[in-house]
Protein backbone atom coordinates (compact mmCIF):
# COMPACT_ATOMS: atom_id res chain seq x y z
CA MET A 1 216.70 190.21 217.21
CA THR A 2 218.62 189.63 220.43
CA GLU A 3 218.97 186.03 221.49
CA LYS A 4 219.16 184.75 225.04
CA ILE A 5 222.52 183.09 225.59
CA LEU A 6 223.47 180.93 228.56
CA VAL A 7 227.06 181.05 229.79
CA THR A 8 228.05 178.45 232.35
CA GLY A 9 231.06 179.34 234.45
CA ALA A 10 230.23 183.00 233.93
CA THR A 11 232.06 184.04 237.10
CA GLY A 12 235.24 182.16 236.21
CA ASN A 13 238.45 183.27 234.49
CA THR A 14 237.25 182.47 230.97
CA GLY A 15 233.50 182.83 231.37
CA ARG A 16 233.60 186.39 232.64
CA TYR A 17 235.42 187.56 229.51
CA LEU A 18 232.95 185.73 227.28
CA VAL A 19 230.07 187.43 229.12
CA GLU A 20 231.71 190.85 228.64
CA MET A 21 232.12 190.22 224.90
CA LEU A 22 228.51 189.07 224.49
CA LEU A 23 227.16 192.05 226.42
CA ALA A 24 229.28 194.42 224.32
CA LYS A 25 227.59 192.95 221.23
CA GLY A 26 224.18 193.68 222.78
CA GLU A 27 223.29 190.07 223.56
CA CYS A 28 221.00 189.06 226.43
CA VAL A 29 223.08 186.86 228.73
CA LYS A 30 221.91 184.35 231.31
CA ALA A 31 224.94 183.82 233.57
CA THR A 32 225.30 180.78 235.79
CA SER A 33 227.24 180.12 238.95
CA ARG A 34 227.17 177.31 241.48
CA GLY A 35 226.55 179.76 244.30
CA GLU A 36 224.90 183.10 244.70
CA ALA A 37 227.41 185.08 242.63
CA ALA A 38 225.88 187.49 240.15
CA VAL A 39 227.32 189.07 237.03
CA ALA A 40 226.37 192.68 236.27
CA ASN A 41 223.86 193.27 233.47
CA THR A 42 222.92 189.58 233.15
CA GLU A 43 220.14 187.31 234.29
CA ALA A 44 221.76 185.36 237.13
CA VAL A 45 220.82 181.72 237.63
CA ARG A 46 222.19 179.02 239.92
CA PHE A 47 223.49 175.99 238.02
CA ASP A 48 225.56 173.04 239.17
CA MET A 49 226.36 170.22 236.74
CA THR A 50 226.22 167.76 239.65
CA ASP A 51 222.71 168.85 240.69
CA ALA A 52 220.01 167.86 238.20
CA SER A 53 217.45 170.05 239.99
CA THR A 54 219.26 173.16 238.66
CA TYR A 55 219.04 172.22 234.97
CA ALA A 56 215.46 173.30 234.18
CA SER A 57 215.79 176.91 235.32
CA ALA A 58 219.21 177.29 233.70
CA PHE A 59 218.22 175.98 230.27
CA GLN A 60 214.70 177.41 230.04
CA GLY A 61 214.10 179.95 227.26
CA LEU A 62 217.52 179.80 225.62
CA ASP A 63 218.57 180.29 222.03
CA ARG A 64 222.23 179.32 222.50
CA ALA A 65 224.58 178.13 225.22
CA PHE A 66 228.29 178.28 225.95
CA MET A 67 229.36 175.55 228.36
CA VAL A 68 232.55 176.92 229.92
CA ILE A 69 233.96 174.16 232.11
CA PRO A 70 237.42 174.20 233.72
CA ALA A 71 239.84 171.49 232.60
CA GLY A 72 239.48 168.45 234.83
CA TYR A 73 236.16 169.58 236.35
CA LEU A 74 234.35 166.42 235.29
CA ASP A 75 237.19 164.03 236.16
CA ASN A 76 235.91 163.25 239.63
CA ILE A 77 232.18 163.30 238.96
CA GLU A 78 230.65 159.83 238.90
CA GLY A 79 228.96 159.05 235.59
CA SER A 80 230.74 161.80 233.65
CA PHE A 81 232.31 161.31 230.27
């Protein structure tokens, strides 16, 4: 059975390679970006960690998630770890 897997940062340097590997294994990928960028052969969804209104649509119906976040991304976000 194919699972639905969320990949945040799917359009970035690391995320795009992860998406390619998952697709090659036949997985169903839900790929996020902060803008309107889409990744071929995936379900595209807008997601921004700083915008709580984007969480519900990004995380709905998932089996697994890979949170690919660039080093230092959360450093300047108030209330982050």
